[in-house]
Amino acid sequence: EAGSGITLAQHGNTVFGVWYTYGDDNQPLFVVLSAGAVQGATS
């Protein structure tokens, strides 16, 4: 699914993520994960 993606920045126990995708108008849309909690080593 080339054309969209996800960028993650991990700072220890917290992740800042941005999902780069498209809205219903087919224009660029970003969705923010501002304070993702890292749980264990995989989630």
PDB file of all heavy atoms in Angstrom:
ATOM      1  N   GLU A   1       0.839  -1.194   0.000  1.00  0.00           N
ATOM      2  CA  GLU A   1       0.000   0.000   0.000  1.00  0.00           C
ATOM      3  C   GLU A   1       0.876   1.247   0.000  1.00  0.00           C
ATOM      4  O   GLU A   1       0.801   2.097   0.883  1.00  0.00           O
ATOM      5  CB  GLU A   1      -0.950   0.001   1.200  1.00  0.00           C
ATOM      6  CG  GLU A   1      -1.951  -1.142   1.186  1.00  0.00           C
ATOM      7  CD  GLU A   1      -3.012  -1.018   2.270  1.00  0.00           C
ATOM      8  OE1 GLU A   1      -3.019   0.014   2.984  1.00  0.00           O
ATOM      9  OE2 GLU A   1      -3.822  -1.952   2.400  1.00  0.00           O
ATOM     10  N   ALA A   2       1.731   1.343  -1.029  1.00  0.00           N
ATOM     11  CA  ALA A   2       2.629   2.487  -1.122  1.00  0.00           C
ATOM     12  C   ALA A   2       1.825   3.781  -1.211  1.00  0.00           C
ATOM     13  O   ALA A   2       0.769   3.840  -1.832  1.00  0.00           O
ATOM     14  CB  ALA A   2       3.521   2.340  -2.343  1.00  0.00           C
ATOM     15  N   GLY A   3       2.348   4.836  -0.584  1.00  0.00           N
ATOM     16  CA  GLY A   3       1.672   6.126  -0.620  1.00  0.00           C
ATOM     17  C   GLY A   3       1.223   6.606   0.739  1.00  0.00           C
ATOM     18  O   GLY A   3       0.846   7.768   0.897  1.00  0.00           O
ATOM     19  N   SER A   4       1.263   5.733   1.741  1.00  0.00           N
ATOM     20  CA  SER A   4       0.925   6.116   3.108  1.00  0.00           C
ATOM     21  C   SER A   4       1.920   5.439   4.039  1.00  0.00           C
ATOM     22  O   SER A   4       2.667   4.550   3.630  1.00  0.00           O
ATOM     23  CB  SER A   4      -0.511   5.709   3.465  1.00  0.00           C
ATOM     24  OG  SER A   4      -0.661   4.300   3.378  1.00  0.00           O
ATOM     25  N   GLY A   5       1.942   5.874   5.289  1.00  0.00           N
ATOM     26  CA  GLY A   5       2.891   5.283   6.207  1.00  0.00           C
ATOM     27  C   GLY A   5       2.719   5.793   7.626  1.00  0.00           C
ATOM     28  O   GLY A   5       1.815   6.588   7.911  1.00  0.00           O
ATOM     29  N   ILE A   6       3.600   5.350   8.485  1.00  0.00           N
ATOM     30  CA  ILE A   6       3.556   5.671   9.907  1.00  0.00           C
ATOM     31  C   ILE A   6       4.966   5.992  10.363  1.00  0.00           C
ATOM     32  O   ILE A   6       5.905   5.257  10.047  1.00  0.00           O
ATOM     33  CB  ILE A   6       3.023   4.468  10.717  1.00  0.00           C
ATOM     34  CG1 ILE A   6       1.603   4.105  10.279  1.00  0.00           C
ATOM     35  CG2 ILE A   6       3.073   4.751  12.212  1.00  0.00           C
ATOM     36  CD1 ILE A   6       1.196   2.686  10.647  1.00  0.00           C
ATOM     37  N   THR A   7       5.126   7.085  11.074  1.00  0.00           N
ATOM     38  CA  THR A   7       6.423   7.418  11.658  1.00  0.00           C
ATOM     39  C   THR A   7       6.311   7.343  13.173  1.00  0.00           C
ATOM     40  O   THR A   7       5.381   7.887  13.763  1.00  0.00           O
ATOM     41  CB  THR A   7       6.889   8.818  11.237  1.00  0.00           C
ATOM     42  OG1 THR A   7       7.003   8.878   9.818  1.00  0.00           O
ATOM     43  CG2 THR A   7       8.240   9.132  11.845  1.00  0.00           C
ATOM     44  N   LEU A   8       7.255   6.653  13.791  1.00  0.00           N
ATOM     45  CA  LEU A   8       7.279   6.503  15.239  1.00  0.00           C
ATOM     46  C   LEU A   8       8.575   7.089  15.794  1.00  0.00           C
ATOM     47  O   LEU A   8       9.648   6.893  15.217  1.00  0.00           O
ATOM     48  CB  LEU A   8       7.180   5.029  15.644  1.00  0.00           C
ATOM     49  CG  LEU A   8       5.960   4.246  15.174  1.00  0.00           C
ATOM     50  CD1 LEU A   8       6.071   2.787  15.607  1.00  0.00           C
ATOM     51  CD2 LEU A   8       4.673   4.863  15.697  1.00  0.00           C
ATOM     52  N   ALA A   9       8.465   7.793  16.904  1.00  0.00           N
ATOM     53  CA  ALA A   9       9.631   8.247  17.662  1.00  0.00           C
ATOM     54  C   ALA A   9       9.462   7.722  19.079  1.00  0.00           C
ATOM     55  O   ALA A   9       8.521   8.102  19.773  1.00  0.00           O
ATOM     56  CB  ALA A   9       9.736   9.769  17.657  1.00  0.00           C
ATOM     57  N   GLN A  10      10.339   6.827  19.475  1.00  0.00           N
ATOM     58  CA  GLN A  10      10.250   6.241  20.813  1.00  0.00           C
ATOM     59  C   GLN A  10      11.257   6.903  21.740  1.00  0.00           C
ATOM     60  O   GLN A  10      12.444   6.989  21.432  1.00  0.00           O
ATOM     61  CB  GLN A  10      10.511   4.737  20.779  1.00  0.00           C
ATOM     62  CG  GLN A  10      10.398   4.079  22.157  1.00  0.00           C
ATOM     63  CD  GLN A  10      10.580   2.583  22.127  1.00  0.00           C
ATOM     64  OE1 GLN A  10      10.655   1.969  21.058  1.00  0.00           O
ATOM     65  NE2 GLN A  10      10.653   1.953  23.291  1.00  0.00           N
ATOM     66  N   HIS A  11      10.785   7.379  22.884  1.00  0.00           N
ATOM     67  CA  HIS A  11      11.638   7.938  23.931  1.00  0.00           C
ATOM     68  C   HIS A  11      11.428   7.109  25.198  1.00  0.00           C
ATOM     69  O   HIS A  11      10.623   7.453  26.054  1.00  0.00           O
ATOM     70  CB  HIS A  11      11.294   9.397  24.205  1.00  0.00           C
ATOM     71  CG  HIS A  11      11.693  10.356  23.125  1.00  0.00           C
ATOM     72  ND1 HIS A  11      11.700  11.720  23.308  1.00  0.00           N
ATOM     73  CD2 HIS A  11      12.098  10.150  21.851  1.00  0.00           C
ATOM     74  CE1 HIS A  11      12.095  12.321  22.198  1.00  0.00           C
ATOM     75  NE2 HIS A  11      12.338  11.381  21.295  1.00  0.00           N
ATOM     76  N   GLY A  12      12.106   5.995  25.286  1.00  0.00           N
ATOM     77  CA  GLY A  12      11.968   5.129  26.458  1.00  0.00           C
ATOM     78  C   GLY A  12      10.609   4.474  26.515  1.00  0.00           C
ATOM     79  O   GLY A  12      10.272   3.623  25.682  1.00  0.00           O
ATOM     80  N   ASN A  13       9.782   4.891  27.470  1.00  0.00           N
ATOM     81  CA  ASN A  13       8.487   4.229  27.678  1.00  0.00           C
ATOM     82  C   ASN A  13       7.338   4.897  26.939  1.00  0.00           C
ATOM     83  O   ASN A  13       6.181   4.557  27.167  1.00  0.00           O
ATOM     84  CB  ASN A  13       8.168   4.181  29.180  1.00  0.00           C
ATOM     85  CG  ASN A  13       8.092   5.577  29.798  1.00  0.00           C
ATOM     86  OD1 ASN A  13       8.179   6.584  29.100  1.00  0.00           O
ATOM     87  ND2 ASN A  13       7.939   5.631  31.118  1.00  0.00           N
ATOM     88  N   THR A  14       7.638   5.854  26.065  1.00  0.00           N
ATOM     89  CA  THR A  14       6.591   6.588  25.359  1.00  0.00           C
ATOM     90  C   THR A  14       6.915   6.694  23.870  1.00  0.00           C
ATOM     91  O   THR A  14       8.087   6.837  23.494  1.00  0.00           O
ATOM     92  CB  THR A  14       6.433   8.010  25.951  1.00  0.00           C
ATOM     93  OG1 THR A  14       6.289   7.922  27.370  1.00  0.00           O
ATOM     94  CG2 THR A  14       5.207   8.704  25.383  1.00  0.00           C
ATOM     95  N   VAL A  15       5.876   6.625  23.050  1.00  0.00           N
ATOM     96  CA  VAL A  15       6.028   6.746  21.601  1.00  0.00           C
ATOM     97  C   VAL A  15       5.164   7.888  21.097  1.00  0.00           C
ATOM     98  O   VAL A  15       3.986   8.006  21.467  1.00  0.00           O
ATOM     99  CB  VAL A  15       5.634   5.431  20.888  1.00  0.00           C
ATOM    100  CG1 VAL A  15       5.452   5.652  19.390  1.00  0.00           C
ATOM    101  CG2 VAL A  15       6.690   4.363  21.120  1.00  0.00           C
ATOM    102  N   PHE A  16       5.750   8.728  20.266  1.00  0.00           N
ATOM    103  CA  PHE A  16       5.001   9.731  19.522  1.00  0.00           C
ATOM    104  C   PHE A  16       4.897   9.197  18.096  1.00  0.00           C
ATOM    105  O   PHE A  16       5.908   8.919  17.462  1.00  0.00           O
ATOM    106  CB  PHE A  16       5.717  11.085  19.546  1.00  0.00           C
ATOM    107  CG  PHE A  16       4.909  12.232  19.003  1.00  0.00           C
ATOM    108  CD1 PHE A  16       4.463  13.222  19.851  1.00  0.00           C
ATOM    109  CD2 PHE A  16       4.603  12.327  17.651  1.00  0.00           C
ATOM    110  CE1 PHE A  16       3.720  14.298  19.368  1.00  0.00           C
ATOM    111  CE2 PHE A  16       3.861  13.388  17.158  1.00  0.00           C
ATOM    112  CZ  PHE A  16       3.418  14.374  18.020  1.00  0.00           C
ATOM    113  N   GLY A  17       3.674   9.055  17.594  1.00  0.00           N
ATOM    114  CA  GLY A  17       3.483   8.516  16.256  1.00  0.00           C
ATOM    115  C   GLY A  17       2.612   9.414  15.401  1.00  0.00           C
ATOM    116  O   GLY A  17       1.742  10.129  15.907  1.00  0.00           O
ATOM    117  N   VAL A  18       2.862   9.391  14.097  1.00  0.00           N
ATOM    118  CA  VAL A  18       2.019  10.101  13.139  1.00  0.00           C
ATOM    119  C   VAL A  18       1.675   9.140  12.012  1.00  0.00           C
ATOM    120  O   VAL A  18       2.569   8.565  11.378  1.00  0.00           O
ATOM    121  CB  VAL A  18       2.704  11.354  12.568  1.00  0.00           C
ATOM    122  CG1 VAL A  18       1.733  12.111  11.666  1.00  0.00           C
ATOM    123  CG2 VAL A  18       3.208  12.263  13.680  1.00  0.00           C
ATOM    124  N   TRP A  19       0.393   8.952  11.798  1.00  0.00           N
ATOM    125  CA  TRP A  19      -0.119   8.110  10.707  1.00  0.00           C
ATOM    126  C   TRP A  19      -0.406   9.036   9.535  1.00  0.00           C
ATOM    127  O   TRP A  19      -1.261   9.914   9.614  1.00  0.00           O
ATOM    128  CB  TRP A  19      -1.379   7.402  11.189  1.00  0.00           C
ATOM    129  CG  TRP A  19      -2.095   6.558  10.172  1.00  0.00           C
ATOM    130  CD1 TRP A  19      -1.610   6.053   8.999  1.00  0.00           C
ATOM    131  CD2 TRP A  19      -3.454   6.102  10.255  1.00  0.00           C
ATOM    132  NE1 TRP A  19      -2.562   5.309   8.353  1.00  0.00           N
ATOM    133  CE2 TRP A  19      -3.702   5.320   9.102  1.00  0.00           C
ATOM    134  CE3 TRP A  19      -4.469   6.278  11.202  1.00  0.00           C
ATOM    135  CZ2 TRP A  19      -4.943   4.735   8.867  1.00  0.00           C
ATOM    136  CZ3 TRP A  19      -5.697   5.685  10.966  1.00  0.00           C
ATOM    137  CH2 TRP A  19      -5.930   4.914   9.812  1.00  0.00           C
ATOM    138  N   TYR A  20       0.324   8.849   8.434  1.00  0.00           N
ATOM    139  CA  TYR A  20       0.152   9.659   7.238  1.00  0.00           C
ATOM    140  C   TYR A  20      -0.742   8.905   6.267  1.00  0.00           C
ATOM    141  O   TYR A  20      -0.352   7.886   5.696  1.00  0.00           O
ATOM    142  CB  TYR A  20       1.507   9.963   6.607  1.00  0.00           C
ATOM    143  CG  TYR A  20       2.388  10.817   7.493  1.00  0.00           C
ATOM    144  CD1 TYR A  20       3.521  10.290   8.113  1.00  0.00           C
ATOM    145  CD2 TYR A  20       2.074  12.149   7.729  1.00  0.00           C
ATOM    146  CE1 TYR A  20       4.325  11.075   8.933  1.00  0.00           C
ATOM    147  CE2 TYR A  20       2.871  12.943   8.550  1.00  0.00           C
ATOM    148  CZ  TYR A  20       3.989  12.402   9.140  1.00  0.00           C
ATOM    149  OH  TYR A  20       4.778  13.185   9.964  1.00  0.00           O
ATOM    150  N   THR A  21      -1.952   9.414   6.064  1.00  0.00           N
ATOM    151  CA  THR A  21      -2.940   8.724   5.248  1.00  0.00           C
ATOM    152  C   THR A  21      -3.768   9.746   4.471  1.00  0.00           C
ATOM    153  O   THR A  21      -3.281  10.858   4.208  1.00  0.00           O
ATOM    154  CB  THR A  21      -3.817   7.812   6.139  1.00  0.00           C
ATOM    155  OG1 THR A  21      -4.717   7.082   5.331  1.00  0.00           O
ATOM    156  CG2 THR A  21      -4.559   8.583   7.211  1.00  0.00           C
ATOM    157  N   TYR A  22      -5.016   9.414   4.115  1.00  0.00           N
ATOM    158  CA  TYR A  22      -5.860  10.299   3.321  1.00  0.00           C
ATOM    159  C   TYR A  22      -7.280  10.303   3.867  1.00  0.00           C
ATOM    160  O   TYR A  22      -7.781   9.283   4.345  1.00  0.00           O
ATOM    161  CB  TYR A  22      -5.864   9.864   1.845  1.00  0.00           C
ATOM    162  CG  TYR A  22      -4.467   9.706   1.296  1.00  0.00           C
ATOM    163  CD1 TYR A  22      -3.863   8.452   1.257  1.00  0.00           C
ATOM    164  CD2 TYR A  22      -3.736  10.805   0.859  1.00  0.00           C
ATOM    165  CE1 TYR A  22      -2.572   8.298   0.792  1.00  0.00           C
ATOM    166  CE2 TYR A  22      -2.449  10.666   0.387  1.00  0.00           C
ATOM    167  CZ  TYR A  22      -1.858   9.406   0.360  1.00  0.00           C
ATOM    168  OH  TYR A  22      -0.573   9.253  -0.093  1.00  0.00           O
ATOM    169  N   GLY A  23      -7.927  11.469   3.772  1.00  0.00           N
ATOM    170  CA  GLY A  23      -9.298  11.603   4.233  1.00  0.00           C
ATOM    171  C   GLY A  23     -10.295  11.195   3.168  1.00  0.00           C
ATOM    172  O   GLY A  23      -9.936  10.718   2.080  1.00  0.00           O
ATOM    173  N   ASP A  24     -11.575  11.397   3.459  1.00  0.00           N
ATOM    174  CA  ASP A  24     -12.630  11.022   2.513  1.00  0.00           C
ATOM    175  C   ASP A  24     -12.580  11.837   1.234  1.00  0.00           C
ATOM    176  O   ASP A  24     -13.154  11.447   0.213  1.00  0.00           O
ATOM    177  CB  ASP A  24     -14.003  11.181   3.173  1.00  0.00           C
ATOM    178  CG  ASP A  24     -14.220  10.160   4.283  1.00  0.00           C
ATOM    179  OD1 ASP A  24     -13.583   9.089   4.229  1.00  0.00           O
ATOM    180  OD2 ASP A  24     -15.009  10.435   5.194  1.00  0.00           O
ATOM    181  N   ASP A  25     -11.904  13.003   1.267  1.00  0.00           N
ATOM    182  CA  ASP A  25     -11.751  13.820   0.066  1.00  0.00           C
ATOM    183  C   ASP A  25     -10.510  13.444  -0.718  1.00  0.00           C
ATOM    184  O   ASP A  25     -10.140  14.121  -1.676  1.00  0.00           O
ATOM    185  CB  ASP A  25     -11.701  15.305   0.432  1.00  0.00           C
ATOM    186  CG  ASP A  25     -10.573  15.623   1.420  1.00  0.00           C
ATOM    187  OD1 ASP A  25      -9.839  14.686   1.827  1.00  0.00           O
ATOM    188  OD2 ASP A  25     -10.424  16.801   1.780  1.00  0.00           O
ATOM    189  N   ASN A  26      -9.831  12.359  -0.291  1.00  0.00           N
ATOM    190  CA  ASN A  26      -8.606  11.856  -0.925  1.00  0.00           C
ATOM    191  C   ASN A  26      -7.404  12.777  -0.753  1.00  0.00           C
ATOM    192  O   ASN A  26      -6.357  12.563  -1.373  1.00  0.00           O
ATOM    193  CB  ASN A  26      -8.814  11.561  -2.415  1.00  0.00           C
ATOM    194  CG  ASN A  26      -9.933  10.589  -2.670  1.00  0.00           C
ATOM    195  OD1 ASN A  26     -10.895  10.896  -3.369  1.00  0.00           O
ATOM    196  ND2 ASN A  26      -9.850   9.410  -2.077  1.00  0.00           N
ATOM    197  N   GLN A  27      -7.546  13.785   0.109  1.00  0.00           N
ATOM    198  CA  GLN A  27      -6.443  14.695   0.386  1.00  0.00           C
ATOM    199  C   GLN A  27      -5.636  14.185   1.584  1.00  0.00           C
ATOM    200  O   GLN A  27      -6.131  13.425   2.398  1.00  0.00           O
ATOM    201  CB  GLN A  27      -6.979  16.103   0.664  1.00  0.00           C
ATOM    202  CG  GLN A  27      -7.667  16.744  -0.525  1.00  0.00           C
ATOM    203  CD  GLN A  27      -6.735  16.852  -1.724  1.00  0.00           C
ATOM    204  OE1 GLN A  27      -5.641  17.417  -1.629  1.00  0.00           O
ATOM    205  NE2 GLN A  27      -7.168  16.299  -2.849  1.00  0.00           N
ATOM    206  N   PRO A  28      -4.374  14.622   1.682  1.00  0.00           N
ATOM    207  CA  PRO A  28      -3.527  14.157   2.793  1.00  0.00           C
ATOM    208  C   PRO A  28      -4.147  14.436   4.156  1.00  0.00           C
ATOM    209  O   PRO A  28      -4.701  15.510   4.390  1.00  0.00           O
ATOM    210  CB  PRO A  28      -2.234  14.954   2.607  1.00  0.00           C
ATOM    211  CG  PRO A  28      -2.211  15.301   1.154  1.00  0.00           C
ATOM    212  CD  PRO A  28      -3.642  15.512   0.765  1.00  0.00           C
ATOM    213  N   LEU A  29      -4.052  13.472   5.034  1.00  0.00           N
ATOM    214  CA  LEU A  29      -4.562  13.566   6.400  1.00  0.00           C
ATOM    215  C   LEU A  29      -3.526  12.963   7.337  1.00  0.00           C
ATOM    216  O   LEU A  29      -2.978  11.905   7.039  1.00  0.00           O
ATOM    217  CB  LEU A  29      -5.885  12.800   6.530  1.00  0.00           C
ATOM    218  CG  LEU A  29      -6.428  12.575   7.951  1.00  0.00           C
ATOM    219  CD1 LEU A  29      -6.911  13.885   8.557  1.00  0.00           C
ATOM    220  CD2 LEU A  29      -7.547  11.535   7.949  1.00  0.00           C
ATOM    221  N   PHE A  30      -3.244  13.631   8.443  1.00  0.00           N
ATOM    222  CA  PHE A  30      -2.380  13.012   9.445  1.00  0.00           C
ATOM    223  C   PHE A  30      -3.160  12.806  10.731  1.00  0.00           C
ATOM    224  O   PHE A  30      -3.989  13.617  11.124  1.00  0.00           O
ATOM    225  CB  PHE A  30      -1.092  13.818   9.684  1.00  0.00           C
ATOM    226  CG  PHE A  30      -1.274  15.194  10.259  1.00  0.00           C
ATOM    227  CD1 PHE A  30      -1.386  15.386  11.627  1.00  0.00           C
ATOM    228  CD2 PHE A  30      -1.290  16.308   9.428  1.00  0.00           C
ATOM    229  CE1 PHE A  30      -1.522  16.658  12.161  1.00  0.00           C
ATOM    230  CE2 PHE A  30      -1.422  17.586   9.950  1.00  0.00           C
ATOM    231  CZ  PHE A  30      -1.539  17.771  11.324  1.00  0.00           C
ATOM    232  N   VAL A  31      -2.880  11.679  11.378  1.00  0.00           N
ATOM    233  CA  VAL A  31      -3.507  11.302  12.644  1.00  0.00           C
ATOM    234  C   VAL A  31      -2.380  11.124  13.655  1.00  0.00           C
ATOM    235  O   VAL A  31      -1.402  10.429  13.389  1.00  0.00           O
ATOM    236  CB  VAL A  31      -4.323  10.006  12.503  1.00  0.00           C
ATOM    237  CG1 VAL A  31      -4.951   9.616  13.839  1.00  0.00           C
ATOM    238  CG2 VAL A  31      -5.398  10.166  11.432  1.00  0.00           C
ATOM    239  N   VAL A  32      -2.510  11.758  14.831  1.00  0.00           N
ATOM    240  CA  VAL A  32      -1.417  11.822  15.795  1.00  0.00           C
ATOM    241  C   VAL A  32      -1.647  10.904  16.995  1.00  0.00           C
ATOM    242  O   VAL A  32      -2.733  10.892  17.580  1.00  0.00           O
ATOM    243  CB  VAL A  32      -1.233  13.269  16.295  1.00  0.00           C
ATOM    244  CG1 VAL A  32      -0.182  13.342  17.408  1.00  0.00           C
ATOM    245  CG2 VAL A  32      -0.823  14.185  15.139  1.00  0.00           C
ATOM    246  N   LEU A  33      -0.624  10.133  17.326  1.00  0.00           N
ATOM    247  CA  LEU A  33      -0.545   9.395  18.584  1.00  0.00           C
ATOM    248  C   LEU A  33       0.420  10.192  19.453  1.00  0.00           C
ATOM    249  O   LEU A  33       1.632  10.126  19.272  1.00  0.00           O
ATOM    250  CB  LEU A  33      -0.016   7.976  18.348  1.00  0.00           C
ATOM    251  CG  LEU A  33       0.310   7.151  19.600  1.00  0.00           C
ATOM    252  CD1 LEU A  33      -0.963   6.739  20.320  1.00  0.00           C
ATOM    253  CD2 LEU A  33       1.141   5.926  19.224  1.00  0.00           C
ATOM    254  N   SER A  34      -0.115  10.978  20.381  1.00  0.00           N
ATOM    255  CA  SER A  34       0.727  11.928  21.105  1.00  0.00           C
ATOM    256  C   SER A  34       1.493  11.321  22.263  1.00  0.00           C
ATOM    257  O   SER A  34       2.566  11.812  22.621  1.00  0.00           O
ATOM    258  CB  SER A  34      -0.135  13.084  21.630  1.00  0.00           C
ATOM    259  OG  SER A  34      -1.090  12.605  22.553  1.00  0.00           O
ATOM    260  N   ALA A  35       0.969  10.303  22.875  1.00  0.00           N
ATOM    261  CA  ALA A  35       1.606   9.733  24.069  1.00  0.00           C
ATOM    262  C   ALA A  35       1.328   8.239  24.132  1.00  0.00           C
ATOM    263  O   ALA A  35       0.683   7.756  25.051  1.00  0.00           O
ATOM    264  CB  ALA A  35       1.115  10.431  25.332  1.00  0.00           C
ATOM    265  N   GLY A  36       1.837   7.513  23.146  1.00  0.00           N
ATOM    266  CA  GLY A  36       1.636   6.076  23.129  1.00  0.00           C
ATOM    267  C   GLY A  36       2.431   5.396  24.224  1.00  0.00           C
ATOM    268  O   GLY A  36       3.630   5.649  24.395  1.00  0.00           O
ATOM    269  N   ALA A  37       1.779   4.530  24.986  1.00  0.00           N
ATOM    270  CA  ALA A  37       2.447   3.809  26.071  1.00  0.00           C
ATOM    271  C   ALA A  37       3.055   2.522  25.534  1.00  0.00           C
ATOM    272  O   ALA A  37       2.372   1.708  24.907  1.00  0.00           O
ATOM    273  CB  ALA A  37       1.451   3.490  27.184  1.00  0.00           C
ATOM    274  N   VAL A  38       4.347   2.356  25.739  1.00  0.00           N
ATOM    275  CA  VAL A  38       5.037   1.123  25.335  1.00  0.00           C
ATOM    276  C   VAL A  38       4.787   0.074  26.401  1.00  0.00           C
ATOM    277  O   VAL A  38       5.099   0.279  27.572  1.00  0.00           O
ATOM    278  CB  VAL A  38       6.544   1.364  25.165  1.00  0.00           C
ATOM    279  CG1 VAL A  38       7.248   0.070  24.783  1.00  0.00           C
ATOM    280  CG2 VAL A  38       6.792   2.433  24.109  1.00  0.00           C
ATOM    281  N   GLN A  39       4.194  -1.037  25.995  1.00  0.00           N
ATOM    282  CA  GLN A  39       3.839  -2.103  26.928  1.00  0.00           C
ATOM    283  C   GLN A  39       4.673  -3.329  26.609  1.00  0.00           C
ATOM    284  O   GLN A  39       4.519  -3.925  25.547  1.00  0.00           O
ATOM    285  CB  GLN A  39       2.343  -2.406  26.825  1.00  0.00           C
ATOM    286  CG  GLN A  39       1.478  -1.194  27.134  1.00  0.00           C
ATOM    287  CD  GLN A  39       0.038  -1.377  26.726  1.00  0.00           C
ATOM    288  OE1 GLN A  39      -0.288  -2.218  25.896  1.00  0.00           O
ATOM    289  NE2 GLN A  39      -0.853  -0.585  27.315  1.00  0.00           N
ATOM    290  N   GLY A  40       5.575  -3.657  27.532  1.00  0.00           N
ATOM    291  CA  GLY A  40       6.492  -4.750  27.260  1.00  0.00           C
ATOM    292  C   GLY A  40       7.431  -4.357  26.141  1.00  0.00           C
ATOM    293  O   GLY A  40       7.836  -3.209  26.017  1.00  0.00           O
ATOM    294  N   ALA A  41       7.770  -5.300  25.296  1.00  0.00           N
ATOM    295  CA  ALA A  41       8.698  -5.013  24.201  1.00  0.00           C
ATOM    296  C   ALA A  41       8.020  -5.054  22.844  1.00  0.00           C
ATOM    297  O   ALA A  41       8.685  -4.879  21.818  1.00  0.00           O
ATOM    298  CB  ALA A  41       9.848  -6.014  24.233  1.00  0.00           C
ATOM    299  N   THR A  42       6.700  -5.272  22.809  1.00  0.00           N
ATOM    300  CA  THR A  42       6.072  -5.499  21.512  1.00  0.00           C
ATOM    301  C   THR A  42       4.808  -4.702  21.244  1.00  0.00           C
ATOM    302  O   THR A  42       4.280  -4.775  20.143  1.00  0.00           O
ATOM    303  CB  THR A  42       5.715  -6.997  21.339  1.00  0.00           C
ATOM    304  OG1 THR A  42       4.777  -7.369  22.354  1.00  0.00           O
ATOM    305  CG2 THR A  42       6.955  -7.876  21.431  1.00  0.00           C
ATOM    306  N   SER A  43       4.289  -3.960  22.191  1.00  0.00           N
ATOM    307  CA  SER A  43       2.998  -3.321  21.946  1.00  0.00           C
ATOM    308  C   SER A  43       2.989  -1.850  22.353  1.00  0.00           C
ATOM    309  O   SER A  43       3.747  -1.409  23.215  1.00  0.00           O
ATOM    310  CB  SER A  43       1.874  -4.067  22.656  1.00  0.00           C
ATOM    311  OG  SER A  43       2.036  -3.986  24.060  1.00  0.00           O
TER     312      SER A  43
END
